[in-house]
Protein backbone atom coordinates (compact mmCIF):
# COMPACT_ATOMS: atom_id res chain seq x y z
CA UNK A 1 -214.48 -41.47 -113.55
CA UNK A 2 -215.47 -44.28 -115.88
CA UNK A 3 -218.87 -42.69 -116.55
CA UNK A 4 -217.13 -40.23 -118.86
CA UNK A 5 -217.24 -41.30 -122.50
CA UNK A 6 -214.36 -39.26 -123.89
CA UNK A 7 -214.72 -40.67 -127.36
CA UNK A 8 -217.99 -41.56 -128.93
CA UNK A 9 -219.63 -41.00 -132.26
CA UNK A 10 -223.19 -40.96 -130.95
CA UNK A 11 -223.13 -37.16 -130.90
CA UNK A 12 -221.61 -36.89 -134.37
CA UNK A 13 -223.01 -37.33 -137.85
CA UNK A 14 -221.89 -40.97 -138.03
CA UNK A 15 -224.57 -41.88 -135.49
CA UNK A 16 -227.20 -41.41 -138.18
CA UNK A 17 -225.41 -43.63 -140.68
CA UNK A 18 -226.71 -47.10 -141.47
CA UNK A 19 -226.14 -49.47 -138.53
CA UNK A 20 -223.49 -52.14 -138.74
CA UNK A 21 -224.54 -55.65 -139.62
CA UNK A 22 -226.50 -57.11 -136.72
CA UNK A 23 -226.15 -60.59 -135.27
CA UNK A 24 -229.14 -61.66 -137.36
CA UNK A 25 -227.00 -60.80 -140.38
CA UNK A 26 -224.16 -63.11 -139.40
CA UNK A 27 -223.69 -66.36 -141.20
CA UNK A 28 -225.48 -69.12 -139.33
CA UNK A 29 -222.82 -71.60 -140.46
CA UNK A 30 -219.94 -69.59 -139.02
CA UNK A 31 -221.24 -67.75 -135.93
CA UNK A 32 -220.57 -69.26 -132.51
CA UNK A 33 -223.12 -68.48 -129.81
CA UNK A 34 -223.55 -69.00 -126.11
CA UNK A 35 -226.92 -68.23 -124.57
CA UNK A 36 -228.43 -68.58 -121.11
CA UNK A 37 -231.59 -67.51 -119.30
CA UNK A 38 -232.65 -66.54 -115.82
CA UNK A 39 -236.19 -66.07 -114.56
CA UNK A 40 -236.28 -63.42 -111.83
CA UNK A 41 -239.63 -62.92 -110.11
CA UNK A 42 -239.77 -59.30 -111.26
CA UNK A 43 -241.60 -57.39 -114.01
CA UNK A 44 -239.58 -56.56 -117.16
CA UNK A 45 -238.74 -52.97 -116.13
CA UNK A 46 -237.17 -54.18 -112.86
CA UNK A 47 -235.38 -57.07 -114.59
CA UNK A 48 -233.95 -54.70 -117.21
CA UNK A 49 -232.77 -52.01 -114.76
CA UNK A 50 -229.40 -53.66 -113.89
CA UNK A 51 -228.76 -54.34 -117.59
CA UNK A 52 -229.28 -50.67 -118.37
CA UNK A 53 -226.61 -49.70 -115.79
CA UNK A 54 -223.95 -52.16 -117.05
CA UNK A 55 -220.39 -50.95 -117.65
CA UNK A 56 -218.84 -47.65 -116.63
CA UNK A 57 -218.66 -47.19 -112.86
CA UNK A 58 -221.15 -50.05 -112.31
CA UNK A 59 -218.84 -52.52 -113.96
CA UNK A 60 -219.87 -55.86 -115.43
CA UNK A 61 -221.27 -57.55 -112.28
CA UNK A 62 -218.60 -60.28 -112.25
CA UNK A 63 -214.91 -60.57 -113.08
CA UNK A 64 -214.26 -56.83 -113.17
CA UNK A 65 -210.55 -57.51 -112.75
CA UNK A 66 -210.65 -59.76 -115.82
CA UNK A 67 -212.46 -57.02 -117.78
CA UNK A 68 -209.69 -54.60 -116.72
CA UNK A 69 -207.00 -57.04 -117.92
CA UNK A 70 -208.87 -57.50 -121.21
CA UNK A 71 -209.08 -53.72 -121.55
CA UNK A 72 -205.35 -53.32 -120.95
CA UNK A 73 -204.53 -56.01 -123.51
CA UNK A 74 -206.87 -54.32 -125.97
CA UNK A 75 -205.04 -51.01 -125.61
CA UNK A 76 -201.71 -52.79 -126.21
CA UNK A 77 -202.94 -54.00 -129.61
CA UNK A 78 -204.49 -50.65 -130.61
CA UNK A 79 -208.04 -51.07 -129.33
CA UNK A 80 -210.03 -48.64 -127.15
CA UNK A 81 -209.76 -50.65 -123.91
CA UNK A 82 -212.13 -49.82 -121.06
CA UNK A 83 -211.06 -46.19 -120.86
CA UNK A 84 -214.19 -44.81 -122.56
CA UNK A 85 -216.73 -45.65 -119.86
CA UNK A 86 -220.21 -44.50 -120.79
CA UNK A 87 -222.01 -41.26 -121.61
CA UNK A 88 -224.60 -41.61 -118.85
CA UNK A 89 -224.80 -44.03 -115.90
CA UNK A 90 -228.35 -45.10 -116.82
CA UNK A 91 -229.45 -43.56 -120.11
CA UNK A 92 -228.66 -45.48 -123.28
CA UNK A 93 -228.94 -44.51 -126.94
CA UNK A 94 -228.05 -46.43 -130.06
CA UNK A 95 -224.49 -45.45 -130.94
CA UNK A 96 -223.37 -44.90 -127.32
CA UNK A 97 -220.14 -46.45 -126.12
CA UNK A 98 -220.11 -48.62 -123.02
CA UNK A 99 -216.45 -49.31 -122.29
CA UNK A 100 -215.19 -51.17 -125.40
CA UNK A 101 -218.68 -51.94 -126.68
CA UNK A 102 -220.96 -49.90 -128.96
CA UNK A 103 -224.73 -49.90 -128.42
CA UNK A 104 -226.13 -51.37 -131.62
CA UNK A 105 -229.65 -52.12 -130.45
CA UNK A 106 -231.73 -50.72 -127.61
CA UNK A 107 -235.40 -51.00 -126.68
CA UNK A 108 -236.27 -49.72 -123.22
CA UNK A 109 -236.95 -52.55 -120.75
CA UNK A 110 -236.57 -55.17 -123.52
CA UNK A 111 -233.27 -55.23 -125.47
CA UNK A 112 -229.64 -54.17 -125.24
CA UNK A 113 -227.31 -55.33 -128.03
CA UNK A 114 -223.65 -54.42 -127.72
CA UNK A 115 -221.20 -54.75 -130.60
CA UNK A 116 -217.58 -55.30 -129.54
CA UNK A 117 -215.07 -52.68 -130.58
CA UNK A 118 -212.23 -54.45 -128.80
CA UNK A 119 -209.69 -56.18 -130.98
CA UNK A 120 -210.89 -59.72 -131.72
CA UNK A 121 -210.35 -62.04 -134.69
CA UNK A 122 -213.88 -61.52 -135.98
CA UNK A 123 -216.99 -59.68 -134.86
CA UNK A 124 -218.62 -60.09 -131.46
CA UNK A 125 -221.87 -59.08 -129.80
CA UNK A 126 -223.30 -59.33 -126.30
CA UNK A 127 -227.08 -59.18 -126.22
CA UNK A 128 -229.58 -58.99 -123.37
CA UNK A 129 -233.29 -59.55 -123.90
CA UNK A 130 -236.02 -59.28 -121.28
CA UNK A 131 -239.48 -60.68 -121.92
CA UNK A 132 -242.54 -61.01 -119.70
CA UNK A 133 -243.33 -64.60 -118.81
CA UNK A 134 -247.10 -64.11 -118.74
CA UNK A 135 -247.28 -64.43 -114.95
CA UNK A 136 -245.99 -60.96 -114.06
CA UNK A 137 -242.36 -62.09 -113.91
CA UNK A 138 -239.61 -61.99 -116.54
CA UNK A 139 -237.16 -64.01 -118.55
CA UNK A 140 -233.69 -62.51 -119.03
CA UNK A 141 -231.79 -64.00 -121.96
CA UNK A 142 -228.11 -63.23 -122.41
CA UNK A 143 -226.45 -64.23 -125.68
CA UNK A 144 -222.80 -63.91 -126.68
CA UNK A 145 -222.32 -64.11 -130.45
CA UNK A 146 -218.98 -64.41 -132.21
CA UNK A 147 -218.58 -64.39 -136.00
CA UNK A 148 -214.97 -65.59 -136.42
CA UNK A 149 -212.63 -64.28 -139.09
CA UNK A 150 -209.42 -65.81 -140.35
CA UNK A 151 -207.47 -68.70 -138.99
CA UNK A 152 -207.43 -67.31 -135.43
CA UNK A 153 -211.20 -66.84 -135.09
CA UNK A 154 -212.47 -70.20 -133.88
CA UNK A 155 -209.38 -71.01 -131.77
CA UNK A 156 -209.88 -67.64 -130.04
CA UNK A 157 -213.54 -68.47 -129.23
CA UNK A 158 -212.84 -71.98 -127.94
CA UNK A 159 -209.71 -70.99 -125.99
CA UNK A 160 -211.66 -68.33 -124.11
CA UNK A 161 -214.81 -70.44 -123.70
CA UNK A 162 -214.11 -71.35 -120.02
CA UNK A 163 -213.41 -67.71 -119.14
CA UNK A 164 -216.47 -66.50 -121.04
CA UNK A 165 -218.60 -69.18 -119.38
CA UNK A 166 -217.48 -67.97 -115.95
CA UNK A 167 -217.89 -64.27 -116.74
CA UNK A 168 -221.13 -64.39 -118.71
CA UNK A 169 -222.74 -66.99 -116.44
CA UNK A 170 -221.85 -65.03 -113.32
CA UNK A 171 -222.91 -61.77 -114.95
CA UNK A 172 -226.36 -63.10 -115.78
CA UNK A 173 -226.79 -64.56 -112.30
CA UNK A 174 -225.86 -61.26 -110.66
CA UNK A 175 -228.06 -59.24 -113.02
CA UNK A 176 -231.01 -61.44 -112.04
CA UNK A 177 -230.13 -61.01 -108.34
CA UNK A 178 -229.75 -57.24 -108.74
CA UNK A 179 -233.16 -57.06 -110.42
CA UNK A 180 -234.70 -58.67 -107.34
CA UNK A 181 -233.20 -55.88 -105.23
CA UNK A 182 -234.84 -53.10 -107.30
């Protein structure tokens, strides 16, 4: 099952090492970002619940076949692919793997920042933030961040923009809908 994280360093000594550079540490002049928000009529804990279950057997809420293709291509070029799944279907710790992502930031019911470990020409993050809106409901913000490297970096980002727009937009919409069902 995909909930089994066969390889992860969260249980080893490397998990206590200094974290990798965060998106805030990327160069503002070079990083490409795509961000969107949804406003589900749910408190932050309910809005965050589907985010906390992302990956593994739950999948990515939209385009799971495309994620599988991306995982297969990643394996072909020496990356981890989707084969790692996740350590726990709900529990998250900094350093955990979620498919070909590494949990770089986590605050219960507020933040999940995933650093890509798939092969890309640069560094990539996918971040989810949930904030109360002051009326008892929530704002979910999803941000994809790409810090390109080399000559292939920006062409990679812009070539995949339509696919990312479909996947990330649909993912956020379905996360918001799933939060309403909790």
